[in-house]
Structures are given as C-alpha cells and as structure tokens.
C-alpha cells in the first residue's frame, strides 16, 4: 500500500469510534462488531490494488500484461476519477452495513 498514513489515520479513528461505542453501550460484543465492520470497511476502501481494478472490467480475470504495466507506468499523479459502478457498489454495500451496524448499536429490534 502506497499510503500508510491513510491506513494509520483510519485505524486511529476506528479506535476512537470503538471507545465511544464501548462507553455509550457498555457492551464488549458491540465494540467487537464495530471493530470487525470497521476493519472490513477500511480494507475495502484502502487496500484494493487500484491500478489492477482500473482496467477494463472484462480484463479483471487475466494477469496484468506488459502492455498494462506500461500504460499504468505512464499515468502520473493521483487520479480523481471514480468509476460509476464502483461508486454504486461502495454506496450500497457500505450504506447497508452502516445501517445494520447502527440498528445493532442502538438496540433496535430486528437485527439478525
């Protein structure tokens, strides 16, 4: 991972959220659920190999060729382009996970 500072910052914020959840709910189980969902969320956003997945969708199941490596090397700087499909999937998955986490943390019946 190229940016370790982003990972460290995310993990510190996760620890802060875990402390707040622990103090607010006094439940170790809820702190652990918060930790697991937080780590999965961080892993899903920060760890994927963006260069690999920025290729055409049909080429995800093949190895990175020399041509792909050359094209990726010619790119310079941070790309501010977000795939619409990636945005929809991230919004749906993380939105639903956050919603279910909130139901669990606030003890609303119907979780599970």
PDB file of N, CA and C in Angstrom:
ATOM      1  N   UNK A   1       0.848  -1.172   0.000  1.00  0.00           N
ATOM      2  CA  UNK A   1       0.000   0.000   0.000  1.00  0.00           C
ATOM      3  C   UNK A   1       0.889   1.230   0.000  1.00  0.00           C
ATOM      4  N   UNK A   2       0.593   2.125  -0.889  1.00  0.00           N
ATOM      5  CA  UNK A   2       1.449   3.295  -1.074  1.00  0.00           C
ATOM      6  C   UNK A   2       1.288   4.314   0.041  1.00  0.00           C
ATOM      7  N   UNK A   3       0.109   4.414   0.595  1.00  0.00           N
ATOM      8  CA  UNK A   3      -0.124   5.462   1.579  1.00  0.00           C
ATOM      9  C   UNK A   3      -0.426   4.865   2.953  1.00  0.00           C
ATOM     10  N   UNK A   4       0.628   4.621   3.716  1.00  0.00           N
ATOM     11  CA  UNK A   4       0.455   4.048   5.054  1.00  0.00           C
ATOM     12  C   UNK A   4      -0.172   5.038   6.026  1.00  0.00           C
ATOM     13  N   UNK A   5       0.002   6.326   5.775  1.00  0.00           N
ATOM     14  CA  UNK A   5      -0.566   7.342   6.668  1.00  0.00           C
ATOM     15  C   UNK A   5      -2.092   7.275   6.666  1.00  0.00           C
ATOM     16  N   UNK A   6      -2.688   7.014   5.513  1.00  0.00           N
ATOM     17  CA  UNK A   6      -4.148   6.907   5.437  1.00  0.00           C
ATOM     18  C   UNK A   6      -4.639   5.700   6.238  1.00  0.00           C
ATOM     19  N   UNK A   7      -3.900   4.596   6.171  1.00  0.00           N
ATOM     20  CA  UNK A   7      -4.274   3.414   6.946  1.00  0.00           C
ATOM     21  C   UNK A   7      -4.166   3.692   8.437  1.00  0.00           C
ATOM     22  N   UNK A   8      -3.063   4.318   8.852  1.00  0.00           N
ATOM     23  CA  UNK A   8      -2.877   4.632  10.273  1.00  0.00           C
ATOM     24  C   UNK A   8      -3.969   5.569  10.775  1.00  0.00           C
ATOM     25  N   UNK A   9      -4.279   6.593  10.008  1.00  0.00           N
ATOM     26  CA  UNK A   9      -5.322   7.543  10.400  1.00  0.00           C
ATOM     27  C   UNK A   9      -6.675   6.850  10.511  1.00  0.00           C
ATOM     28  N   UNK A  10      -6.983   5.988   9.554  1.00  0.00           N
ATOM     29  CA  UNK A  10      -8.254   5.259   9.592  1.00  0.00           C
ATOM     30  C   UNK A  10      -8.341   4.348  10.809  1.00  0.00           C
ATOM     31  N   UNK A  11      -7.249   3.687  11.149  1.00  0.00           N
ATOM     32  CA  UNK A  11      -7.254   2.801  12.309  1.00  0.00           C
ATOM     33  C   UNK A  11      -7.374   3.579  13.616  1.00  0.00           C
ATOM     34  N   UNK A  12      -6.772   4.761  13.666  1.00  0.00           N
ATOM     35  CA  UNK A  12      -6.926   5.597  14.865  1.00  0.00           C
ATOM     36  C   UNK A  12      -8.377   6.034  15.016  1.00  0.00           C
ATOM     37  N   UNK A  13      -9.004   6.459  13.925  1.00  0.00           N
ATOM     38  CA  UNK A  13     -10.415   6.859  14.003  1.00  0.00           C
ATOM     39  C   UNK A  13     -11.309   5.679  14.360  1.00  0.00           C
ATOM     40  N   UNK A  14     -10.968   4.495  13.863  1.00  0.00           N
ATOM     41  CA  UNK A  14     -11.722   3.305  14.238  1.00  0.00           C
ATOM     42  C   UNK A  14     -11.611   3.058  15.737  1.00  0.00           C
ATOM     43  N   UNK A  15     -10.410   3.231  16.284  1.00  0.00           N
ATOM     44  CA  UNK A  15     -10.226   3.062  17.729  1.00  0.00           C
ATOM     45  C   UNK A  15     -11.058   4.077  18.509  1.00  0.00           C
ATOM     46  N   UNK A  16     -11.129   5.311  18.028  1.00  0.00           N
ATOM     47  CA  UNK A  16     -11.940   6.335  18.694  1.00  0.00           C
ATOM     48  C   UNK A  16     -13.415   5.934  18.668  1.00  0.00           C
ATOM     49  N   UNK A  17     -13.888   5.460  17.517  1.00  0.00           N
ATOM     50  CA  UNK A  17     -15.287   5.032  17.409  1.00  0.00           C
ATOM     51  C   UNK A  17     -15.547   3.851  18.334  1.00  0.00           C
ATOM     52  N   UNK A  18     -14.593   2.921  18.427  1.00  0.00           N
ATOM     53  CA  UNK A  18     -14.761   1.774  19.322  1.00  0.00           C
ATOM     54  C   UNK A  18     -14.855   2.219  20.779  1.00  0.00           C
ATOM     55  N   UNK A  19     -14.041   3.169  21.174  1.00  0.00           N
ATOM     56  CA  UNK A  19     -14.094   3.676  22.559  1.00  0.00           C
ATOM     57  C   UNK A  19     -15.442   4.338  22.828  1.00  0.00           C
ATOM     58  N   UNK A  20     -15.912   5.147  21.887  1.00  0.00           N
ATOM     59  CA  UNK A  20     -17.202   5.818  22.059  1.00  0.00           C
ATOM     60  C   UNK A  20     -18.330   4.788  22.165  1.00  0.00           C
ATOM     61  N   UNK A  21     -18.311   3.776  21.281  1.00  0.00           N
ATOM     62  CA  UNK A  21     -19.336   2.727  21.337  1.00  0.00           C
ATOM     63  C   UNK A  21     -19.251   1.972  22.661  1.00  0.00           C
ATOM     64  N   UNK A  22     -18.053   1.681  23.108  1.00  0.00           N
ATOM     65  CA  UNK A  22     -17.883   0.967  24.376  1.00  0.00           C
ATOM     66  C   UNK A  22     -18.396   1.755  25.563  1.00  0.00           C
ATOM     67  N   UNK A  23     -18.103   3.048  25.593  1.00  0.00           N
ATOM     68  CA  UNK A  23     -18.581   3.890  26.696  1.00  0.00           C
ATOM     69  C   UNK A  23     -20.089   4.075  26.630  1.00  0.00           C
ATOM     70  N   UNK A  24     -20.618   4.260  25.423  1.00  0.00           N
ATOM     71  CA  UNK A  24     -22.041   4.535  25.255  1.00  0.00           C
ATOM     72  C   UNK A  24     -22.893   3.304  25.552  1.00  0.00           C
ATOM     73  N   UNK A  25     -22.439   2.113  25.098  1.00  0.00           N
ATOM     74  CA  UNK A  25     -23.280   0.918  25.231  1.00  0.00           C
ATOM     75  C   UNK A  25     -22.859  -0.009  26.360  1.00  0.00           C
ATOM     76  N   UNK A  26     -21.634   0.126  26.834  1.00  0.00           N
ATOM     77  CA  UNK A  26     -21.083  -0.774  27.863  1.00  0.00           C
ATOM     78  C   UNK A  26     -21.203  -2.236  27.442  1.00  0.00           C
ATOM     79  N   UNK A  27     -20.975  -2.491  26.150  1.00  0.00           N
ATOM     80  CA  UNK A  27     -21.104  -3.840  25.612  1.00  0.00           C
ATOM     81  C   UNK A  27     -19.845  -4.203  24.828  1.00  0.00           C
ATOM     82  N   UNK A  28     -19.137  -5.228  25.306  1.00  0.00           N
ATOM     83  CA  UNK A  28     -17.945  -5.690  24.614  1.00  0.00           C
ATOM     84  C   UNK A  28     -18.298  -6.262  23.247  1.00  0.00           C
ATOM     85  N   UNK A  29     -19.441  -6.932  23.149  1.00  0.00           N
ATOM     86  CA  UNK A  29     -19.883  -7.518  21.886  1.00  0.00           C
ATOM     87  C   UNK A  29     -20.066  -6.436  20.822  1.00  0.00           C
ATOM     88  N   UNK A  30     -20.628  -5.305  21.201  1.00  0.00           N
ATOM     89  CA  UNK A  30     -20.847  -4.222  20.243  1.00  0.00           C
ATOM     90  C   UNK A  30     -19.538  -3.564  19.833  1.00  0.00           C
ATOM     91  N   UNK A  31     -18.588  -3.522  20.742  1.00  0.00           N
ATOM     92  CA  UNK A  31     -17.265  -2.985  20.401  1.00  0.00           C
ATOM     93  C   UNK A  31     -16.584  -3.906  19.387  1.00  0.00           C
ATOM     94  N   UNK A  32     -16.696  -5.216  19.579  1.00  0.00           N
ATOM     95  CA  UNK A  32     -16.085  -6.180  18.656  1.00  0.00           C
ATOM     96  C   UNK A  32     -16.751  -6.100  17.285  1.00  0.00           C
ATOM     97  N   UNK A  33     -18.081  -5.996  17.249  1.00  0.00           N
ATOM     98  CA  UNK A  33     -18.784  -5.853  15.964  1.00  0.00           C
ATOM     99  C   UNK A  33     -18.340  -4.575  15.269  1.00  0.00           C
ATOM    100  N   UNK A  34     -18.188  -3.499  16.018  1.00  0.00           N
ATOM    101  CA  UNK A  34     -17.711  -2.238  15.454  1.00  0.00           C
ATOM    102  C   UNK A  34     -16.302  -2.407  14.887  1.00  0.00           C
ATOM    103  N   UNK A  35     -15.445  -3.104  15.610  1.00  0.00           N
ATOM    104  CA  UNK A  35     -14.081  -3.341  15.146  1.00  0.00           C
ATOM    105  C   UNK A  35     -14.070  -4.135  13.836  1.00  0.00           C
ATOM    106  N   UNK A  36     -14.821  -5.224  13.799  1.00  0.00           N
ATOM    107  CA  UNK A  36     -14.829  -6.085  12.605  1.00  0.00           C
ATOM    108  C   UNK A  36     -15.362  -5.323  11.399  1.00  0.00           C
ATOM    109  N   UNK A  37     -16.487  -4.637  11.559  1.00  0.00           N
ATOM    110  CA  UNK A  37     -17.033  -3.871  10.438  1.00  0.00           C
ATOM    111  C   UNK A  37     -16.099  -2.741  10.023  1.00  0.00           C
ATOM    112  N   UNK A  38     -15.458  -2.109  10.983  1.00  0.00           N
ATOM    113  CA  UNK A  38     -14.516  -1.040  10.668  1.00  0.00           C
ATOM    114  C   UNK A  38     -13.318  -1.526   9.889  1.00  0.00           C
ATOM    115  N   UNK A  39     -12.755  -2.651  10.315  1.00  0.00           N
ATOM    116  CA  UNK A  39     -11.594  -3.202   9.609  1.00  0.00           C
ATOM    117  C   UNK A  39     -11.988  -3.655   8.204  1.00  0.00           C
ATOM    118  N   UNK A  40     -13.139  -4.283   8.058  1.00  0.00           N
ATOM    119  CA  UNK A  40     -13.605  -4.677   6.724  1.00  0.00           C
ATOM    120  C   UNK A  40     -13.847  -3.460   5.837  1.00  0.00           C
ATOM    121  N   UNK A  41     -14.411  -2.413   6.423  1.00  0.00           N
ATOM    122  CA  UNK A  41     -14.621  -1.180   5.656  1.00  0.00           C
ATOM    123  C   UNK A  41     -13.321  -0.539   5.223  1.00  0.00           C
ATOM    124  N   UNK A  42     -12.365  -0.474   6.125  1.00  0.00           N
ATOM    125  CA  UNK A  42     -11.060   0.096   5.790  1.00  0.00           C
ATOM    126  C   UNK A  42     -10.372  -0.749   4.728  1.00  0.00           C
ATOM    127  N   UNK A  43     -10.445  -2.055   4.873  1.00  0.00           N
ATOM    128  CA  UNK A  43      -9.810  -2.943   3.896  1.00  0.00           C
ATOM    129  C   UNK A  43     -10.454  -2.806   2.517  1.00  0.00           C
ATOM    130  N   UNK A  44     -11.744  -2.601   2.484  1.00  0.00           N
ATOM    131  CA  UNK A  44     -12.430  -2.471   1.203  1.00  0.00           C
ATOM    132  C   UNK A  44     -12.163  -1.163   0.491  1.00  0.00           C
ATOM    133  N   UNK A  45     -11.834  -0.132   1.244  1.00  0.00           N
ATOM    134  CA  UNK A  45     -11.604   1.174   0.640  1.00  0.00           C
ATOM    135  C   UNK A  45     -10.119   1.420   0.372  1.00  0.00           C
ATOM    136  N   UNK A  46      -9.252   1.079   1.308  1.00  0.00           N
ATOM    137  CA  UNK A  46      -7.841   1.454   1.197  1.00  0.00           C
ATOM    138  C   UNK A  46      -6.934   0.398   0.581  1.00  0.00           C
ATOM    139  N   UNK A  47      -7.247  -0.871   0.725  1.00  0.00           N
ATOM    140  CA  UNK A  47      -6.302  -1.901   0.336  1.00  0.00           C
ATOM    141  C   UNK A  47      -6.382  -2.411  -1.103  1.00  0.00           C
ATOM    142  N   UNK A  48      -7.512  -2.314  -1.802  1.00  0.00           N
ATOM    143  CA  UNK A  48      -7.541  -2.874  -3.163  1.00  0.00           C
ATOM    144  C   UNK A  48      -6.494  -2.240  -4.075  1.00  0.00           C
ATOM    145  N   UNK A  49      -5.977  -3.034  -4.975  1.00  0.00           N
ATOM    146  CA  UNK A  49      -4.985  -2.582  -5.938  1.00  0.00           C
ATOM    147  C   UNK A  49      -5.694  -1.769  -7.022  1.00  0.00           C
ATOM    148  N   UNK A  50      -5.672  -0.459  -6.857  1.00  0.00           N
ATOM    149  CA  UNK A  50      -6.420   0.414  -7.773  1.00  0.00           C
ATOM    150  C   UNK A  50      -5.945   0.290  -9.213  1.00  0.00           C
ATOM    151  N   UNK A  51      -4.658   0.132  -9.421  1.00  0.00           N
ATOM    152  CA  UNK A  51      -4.164   0.005 -10.792  1.00  0.00           C
ATOM    153  C   UNK A  51      -4.725  -1.238 -11.462  1.00  0.00           C
ATOM    154  N   UNK A  52      -4.829  -2.327 -10.719  1.00  0.00           N
ATOM    155  CA  UNK A  52      -5.366  -3.560 -11.275  1.00  0.00           C
ATOM    156  C   UNK A  52      -6.843  -3.388 -11.626  1.00  0.00           C
ATOM    157  N   UNK A  53      -7.613  -2.782 -10.735  1.00  0.00           N
ATOM    158  CA  UNK A  53      -9.046  -2.679 -10.943  1.00  0.00           C
ATOM    159  C   UNK A  53      -9.446  -1.503 -11.825  1.00  0.00           C
ATOM    160  N   UNK A  54      -8.517  -0.603 -12.135  1.00  0.00           N
ATOM    161  CA  UNK A  54      -8.828   0.494 -13.046  1.00  0.00           C
ATOM    162  C   UNK A  54      -8.807   0.060 -14.510  1.00  0.00           C
ATOM    163  N   UNK A  55      -8.464  -1.184 -14.742  1.00  0.00           N
ATOM    164  CA  UNK A  55      -8.509  -1.711 -16.107  1.00  0.00           C
ATOM    165  C   UNK A  55      -9.961  -1.985 -16.490  1.00  0.00           C
ATOM    166  N   UNK A  56     -10.165  -2.311 -17.753  1.00  0.00           N
ATOM    167  CA  UNK A  56     -11.492  -2.673 -18.229  1.00  0.00           C
ATOM    168  C   UNK A  56     -12.004  -3.887 -17.443  1.00  0.00           C
ATOM    169  N   UNK A  57     -13.301  -3.900 -17.137  1.00  0.00           N
ATOM    170  CA  UNK A  57     -13.885  -4.964 -16.314  1.00  0.00           C
ATOM    171  C   UNK A  57     -13.659  -6.354 -16.897  1.00  0.00           C
ATOM    172  N   UNK A  58     -13.674  -6.463 -18.205  1.00  0.00           N
ATOM    173  CA  UNK A  58     -13.510  -7.778 -18.832  1.00  0.00           C
ATOM    174  C   UNK A  58     -12.100  -8.339 -18.651  1.00  0.00           C
ATOM    175  N   UNK A  59     -11.139  -7.510 -18.248  1.00  0.00           N
ATOM    176  CA  UNK A  59      -9.751  -7.952 -18.115  1.00  0.00           C
ATOM    177  C   UNK A  59      -9.362  -8.243 -16.662  1.00  0.00           C
ATOM    178  N   UNK A  60     -10.306  -8.168 -15.739  1.00  0.00           N
ATOM    179  CA  UNK A  60     -10.005  -8.411 -14.327  1.00  0.00           C
ATOM    180  C   UNK A  60      -9.581  -9.852 -14.061  1.00  0.00           C
ATOM    181  N   UNK A  61     -10.017 -10.786 -14.891  1.00  0.00           N
ATOM    182  CA  UNK A  61      -9.740 -12.197 -14.650  1.00  0.00           C
ATOM    183  C   UNK A  61      -8.464 -12.668 -15.329  1.00  0.00           C
ATOM    184  N   UNK A  62      -7.760 -11.764 -15.978  1.00  0.00           N
ATOM    185  CA  UNK A  62      -6.485 -12.116 -16.604  1.00  0.00           C
ATOM    186  C   UNK A  62      -5.352 -11.409 -15.874  1.00  0.00           C
ATOM    187  N   UNK A  63      -4.152 -11.945 -16.038  1.00  0.00           N
ATOM    188  CA  UNK A  63      -2.991 -11.345 -15.408  1.00  0.00           C
ATOM    189  C   UNK A  63      -2.683  -9.987 -16.042  1.00  0.00           C
ATOM    190  N   UNK A  64      -1.965  -9.168 -15.336  1.00  0.00           N
ATOM    191  CA  UNK A  64      -1.564  -7.869 -15.864  1.00  0.00           C
ATOM    192  C   UNK A  64      -0.467  -8.100 -16.896  1.00  0.00           C
ATOM    193  N   UNK A  65      -0.716  -7.647 -18.112  1.00  0.00           N
ATOM    194  CA  UNK A  65       0.247  -7.854 -19.191  1.00  0.00           C
ATOM    195  C   UNK A  65       1.302  -6.747 -19.179  1.00  0.00           C
ATOM    196  N   UNK A  66       2.314  -6.930 -20.011  1.00  0.00           N
ATOM    197  CA  UNK A  66       3.354  -5.896 -20.136  1.00  0.00           C
ATOM    198  C   UNK A  66       2.754  -4.601 -20.670  1.00  0.00           C
ATOM    199  N   UNK A  67       1.781  -4.721 -21.561  1.00  0.00           N
ATOM    200  CA  UNK A  67       1.114  -3.542 -22.115  1.00  0.00           C
ATOM    201  C   UNK A  67       0.383  -2.780 -21.002  1.00  0.00           C
ATOM    202  N   UNK A  68      -0.271  -3.517 -20.101  1.00  0.00           N
ATOM    203  CA  UNK A  68      -0.959  -2.878 -18.976  1.00  0.00           C
ATOM    204  C   UNK A  68       0.045  -2.193 -18.050  1.00  0.00           C
ATOM    205  N   UNK A  69       1.171  -2.870 -17.793  1.00  0.00           N
ATOM    206  CA  UNK A  69       2.186  -2.283 -16.934  1.00  0.00           C
ATOM    207  C   UNK A  69       2.725  -0.991 -17.521  1.00  0.00           C
ATOM    208  N   UNK A  70       2.925  -0.970 -18.832  1.00  0.00           N
ATOM    209  CA  UNK A  70       3.400   0.250 -19.493  1.00  0.00           C
ATOM    210  C   UNK A  70       2.378   1.370 -19.384  1.00  0.00           C
ATOM    211  N   UNK A  71       1.112   1.038 -19.614  1.00  0.00           N
ATOM    212  CA  UNK A  71       0.057   2.044 -19.534  1.00  0.00           C
ATOM    213  C   UNK A  71      -0.071   2.597 -18.117  1.00  0.00           C
ATOM    214  N   UNK A  72       0.059   1.731 -17.121  1.00  0.00           N
ATOM    215  CA  UNK A  72      -0.033   2.176 -15.737  1.00  0.00           C
ATOM    216  C   UNK A  72       1.171   3.023 -15.340  1.00  0.00           C
ATOM    217  N   UNK A  73       2.345   2.698 -15.876  1.00  0.00           N
ATOM    218  CA  UNK A  73       3.546   3.462 -15.560  1.00  0.00           C
ATOM    219  C   UNK A  73       3.499   4.861 -16.162  1.00  0.00           C
ATOM    220  N   UNK A  74       2.789   5.019 -17.278  1.00  0.00           N
ATOM    221  CA  UNK A  74       2.713   6.325 -17.937  1.00  0.00           C
ATOM    222  C   UNK A  74       1.764   7.274 -17.222  1.00  0.00           C
ATOM    223  N   UNK A  75       0.852   6.733 -16.432  1.00  0.00           N
ATOM    224  CA  UNK A  75      -0.042   7.583 -15.655  1.00  0.00           C
ATOM    225  C   UNK A  75       0.767   8.311 -14.603  1.00  0.00           C
ATOM    226  N   UNK A  76       0.459   9.552 -14.396  1.00  0.00           N
ATOM    227  CA  UNK A  76       1.211  10.287 -13.381  1.00  0.00           C
ATOM    228  C   UNK A  76       0.235  10.921 -12.400  1.00  0.00           C
ATOM    229  N   UNK A  77       0.634  10.944 -11.153  1.00  0.00           N
ATOM    230  CA  UNK A  77      -0.160  11.620 -10.141  1.00  0.00           C
ATOM    231  C   UNK A  77      -1.380  10.838  -9.711  1.00  0.00           C
ATOM    232  N   UNK A  78      -2.147  11.473  -8.857  1.00  0.00           N
ATOM    233  CA  UNK A  78      -3.353  10.875  -8.305  1.00  0.00           C
ATOM    234  C   UNK A  78      -4.510  11.096  -9.265  1.00  0.00           C
ATOM    235  N   UNK A  79      -5.198  10.033  -9.592  1.00  0.00           N
ATOM    236  CA  UNK A  79      -6.356  10.162 -10.486  1.00  0.00           C
ATOM    237  C   UNK A  79      -7.590  10.475  -9.665  1.00  0.00           C
ATOM    238  N   UNK A  80      -8.301  11.482 -10.060  1.00  0.00           N
ATOM    239  CA  UNK A  80      -9.506  11.884  -9.351  1.00  0.00           C
ATOM    240  C   UNK A  80     -10.744  11.337 -10.063  1.00  0.00           C
ATOM    241  N   UNK A  81     -10.599  10.181 -10.679  1.00  0.00           N
ATOM    242  CA  UNK A  81     -11.684   9.578 -11.422  1.00  0.00           C
ATOM    243  C   UNK A  81     -12.244   8.415 -10.620  1.00  0.00           C
ATOM    244  N   UNK A  82     -13.542   8.401 -10.438  1.00  0.00           N
ATOM    245  CA  UNK A  82     -14.191   7.311  -9.713  1.00  0.00           C
ATOM    246  C   UNK A  82     -15.153   6.624 -10.674  1.00  0.00           C
ATOM    247  N   UNK A  83     -15.008   5.335 -10.788  1.00  0.00           N
ATOM    248  CA  UNK A  83     -15.891   4.564 -11.647  1.00  0.00           C
ATOM    249  C   UNK A  83     -17.317   4.627 -11.110  1.00  0.00           C
ATOM    250  N   UNK A  84     -18.298   4.899 -11.982  1.00  0.00           N
ATOM    251  CA  UNK A  84     -19.690   4.936 -11.508  1.00  0.00           C
ATOM    252  C   UNK A  84     -20.144   3.606 -10.915  1.00  0.00           C
ATOM    253  N   UNK A  85     -19.700   2.495 -11.498  1.00  0.00           N
ATOM    254  CA  UNK A  85     -20.069   1.187 -10.960  1.00  0.00           C
ATOM    255  C   UNK A  85     -19.474   0.992  -9.566  1.00  0.00           C
ATOM    256  N   UNK A  86     -18.213   1.374  -9.392  1.00  0.00           N
ATOM    257  CA  UNK A  86     -17.570   1.263  -8.081  1.00  0.00           C
ATOM    258  C   UNK A  86     -18.284   2.136  -7.056  1.00  0.00           C
ATOM    259  N   UNK A  87     -18.675   3.333  -7.446  1.00  0.00           N
ATOM    260  CA  UNK A  87     -19.369   4.240  -6.543  1.00  0.00           C
ATOM    261  C   UNK A  87     -20.715   3.661  -6.109  1.00  0.00           C
ATOM    262  N   UNK A  88     -21.459   3.077  -7.040  1.00  0.00           N
ATOM    263  CA  UNK A  88     -22.755   2.481  -6.714  1.00  0.00           C
ATOM    264  C   UNK A  88     -22.580   1.289  -5.778  1.00  0.00           C
ATOM    265  N   UNK A  89     -21.614   0.426  -6.067  1.00  0.00           N
ATOM    266  CA  UNK A  89     -21.388  -0.752  -5.234  1.00  0.00           C
ATOM    267  C   UNK A  89     -20.932  -0.343  -3.840  1.00  0.00           C
ATOM    268  N   UNK A  90     -19.971   0.574  -3.750  1.00  0.00           N
ATOM    269  CA  UNK A  90     -19.492   1.031  -2.442  1.00  0.00           C
ATOM    270  C   UNK A  90     -20.625   1.661  -1.640  1.00  0.00           C
ATOM    271  N   UNK A  91     -21.425   2.496  -2.282  1.00  0.00           N
ATOM    272  CA  UNK A  91     -22.521   3.159  -1.585  1.00  0.00           C
ATOM    273  C   UNK A  91     -23.530   2.141  -1.075  1.00  0.00           C
ATOM    274  N   UNK A  92     -23.876   1.167  -1.901  1.00  0.00           N
ATOM    275  CA  UNK A  92     -24.855   0.160  -1.495  1.00  0.00           C
ATOM    276  C   UNK A  92     -24.319  -0.719  -0.362  1.00  0.00           C
ATOM    277  N   UNK A  93     -23.122  -1.239  -0.520  1.00  0.00           N
ATOM    278  CA  UNK A  93     -22.565  -2.162   0.470  1.00  0.00           C
ATOM    279  C   UNK A  93     -22.292  -1.461   1.788  1.00  0.00           C
ATOM    280  N   UNK A  94     -21.578  -0.344   1.734  1.00  0.00           N
ATOM    281  CA  UNK A  94     -21.216   0.333   2.973  1.00  0.00           C
ATOM    282  C   UNK A  94     -22.405   1.052   3.599  1.00  0.00           C
ATOM    283  N   UNK A  95     -23.332   1.518   2.797  1.00  0.00           N
ATOM    284  CA  UNK A  95     -24.540   2.123   3.341  1.00  0.00           C
ATOM    285  C   UNK A  95     -25.379   1.107   4.104  1.00  0.00           C
ATOM    286  N   UNK A  96     -25.556  -0.084   3.521  1.00  0.00           N
ATOM    287  CA  UNK A  96     -26.319  -1.129   4.193  1.00  0.00           C
ATOM    288  C   UNK A  96     -25.610  -1.606   5.465  1.00  0.00           C
ATOM    289  N   UNK A  97     -24.288  -1.772   5.383  1.00  0.00           N
ATOM    290  CA  UNK A  97     -23.531  -2.216   6.560  1.00  0.00           C
ATOM    291  C   UNK A  97     -23.611  -1.179   7.678  1.00  0.00           C
ATOM    292  N   UNK A  98     -23.511   0.091   7.332  1.00  0.00           N
ATOM    293  CA  UNK A  98     -23.609   1.149   8.338  1.00  0.00           C
ATOM    294  C   UNK A  98     -25.002   1.193   8.957  1.00  0.00           C
ATOM    295  N   UNK A  99     -26.026   1.004   8.130  1.00  0.00           N
ATOM    296  CA  UNK A  99     -27.403   0.979   8.617  1.00  0.00           C
ATOM    297  C   UNK A  99     -27.614  -0.174   9.603  1.00  0.00           C
ATOM    298  N   UNK A 100     -27.147  -1.378   9.225  1.00  0.00           N
ATOM    299  CA  UNK A 100     -27.311  -2.527  10.117  1.00  0.00           C
ATOM    300  C   UNK A 100     -26.487  -2.366  11.396  1.00  0.00           C
ATOM    301  N   UNK A 101     -25.294  -1.786  11.287  1.00  0.00           N
ATOM    302  CA  UNK A 101     -24.468  -1.530  12.470  1.00  0.00           C
ATOM    303  C   UNK A 101     -25.187  -0.573  13.410  1.00  0.00           C
ATOM    304  N   UNK A 102     -25.786   0.465  12.852  1.00  0.00           N
ATOM    305  CA  UNK A 102     -26.490   1.438  13.686  1.00  0.00           C
ATOM    306  C   UNK A 102     -27.675   0.778  14.392  1.00  0.00           C
ATOM    307  N   UNK A 103     -28.426  -0.080  13.705  1.00  0.00           N
ATOM    308  CA  UNK A 103     -29.528  -0.797  14.336  1.00  0.00           C
ATOM    309  C   UNK A 103     -29.012  -1.658  15.485  1.00  0.00           C
ATOM    310  N   UNK A 104     -27.887  -2.305  15.276  1.00  0.00           N
ATOM    311  CA  UNK A 104     -27.319  -3.169  16.304  1.00  0.00           C
ATOM    312  C   UNK A 104     -26.829  -2.358  17.492  1.00  0.00           C
ATOM    313  N   UNK A 105     -26.153  -1.271  17.231  1.00  0.00           N
ATOM    314  CA  UNK A 105     -25.594  -0.446  18.301  1.00  0.00           C
ATOM    315  C   UNK A 105     -26.702   0.233  19.104  1.00  0.00           C
ATOM    316  N   UNK A 106     -27.730   0.700  18.432  1.00  0.00           N
ATOM    317  CA  UNK A 106     -28.798   1.417  19.136  1.00  0.00           C
ATOM    318  C   UNK A 106     -29.858   0.467  19.693  1.00  0.00           C
ATOM    319  N   UNK A 107     -29.662  -0.833  19.573  1.00  0.00           N
ATOM    320  CA  UNK A 107     -30.517  -1.871  20.128  1.00  0.00           C
ATOM    321  C   UNK A 107     -31.956  -1.830  19.625  1.00  0.00           C
ATOM    322  N   UNK A 108     -32.123  -1.540  18.364  1.00  0.00           N
ATOM    323  CA  UNK A 108     -33.438  -1.610  17.758  1.00  0.00           C
ATOM    324  C   UNK A 108     -33.710  -3.059  17.418  1.00  0.00           C
ATOM    325  N   UNK A 109     -34.876  -3.564  17.748  1.00  0.00           N
ATOM    326  CA  UNK A 109     -35.226  -4.956  17.486  1.00  0.00           C
ATOM    327  C   UNK A 109     -35.259  -5.189  15.983  1.00  0.00           C
ATOM    328  N   UNK A 110     -34.931  -6.403  15.576  1.00  0.00           N
ATOM    329  CA  UNK A 110     -34.996  -6.763  14.164  1.00  0.00           C
ATOM    330  C   UNK A 110     -33.635  -7.037  13.573  1.00  0.00           C
ATOM    331  N   UNK A 111     -32.563  -6.883  14.353  1.00  0.00           N
ATOM    332  CA  UNK A 111     -31.244  -7.203  13.803  1.00  0.00           C
ATOM    333  C   UNK A 111     -31.054  -8.698  13.835  1.00  0.00           C
ATOM    334  N   UNK A 112     -30.547  -9.240  12.732  1.00  0.00           N
ATOM    335  CA  UNK A 112     -30.233 -10.671  12.718  1.00  0.00           C
ATOM    336  C   UNK A 112     -31.173 -11.373  11.865  1.00  0.00           C
TER     337      UNK A 112
END
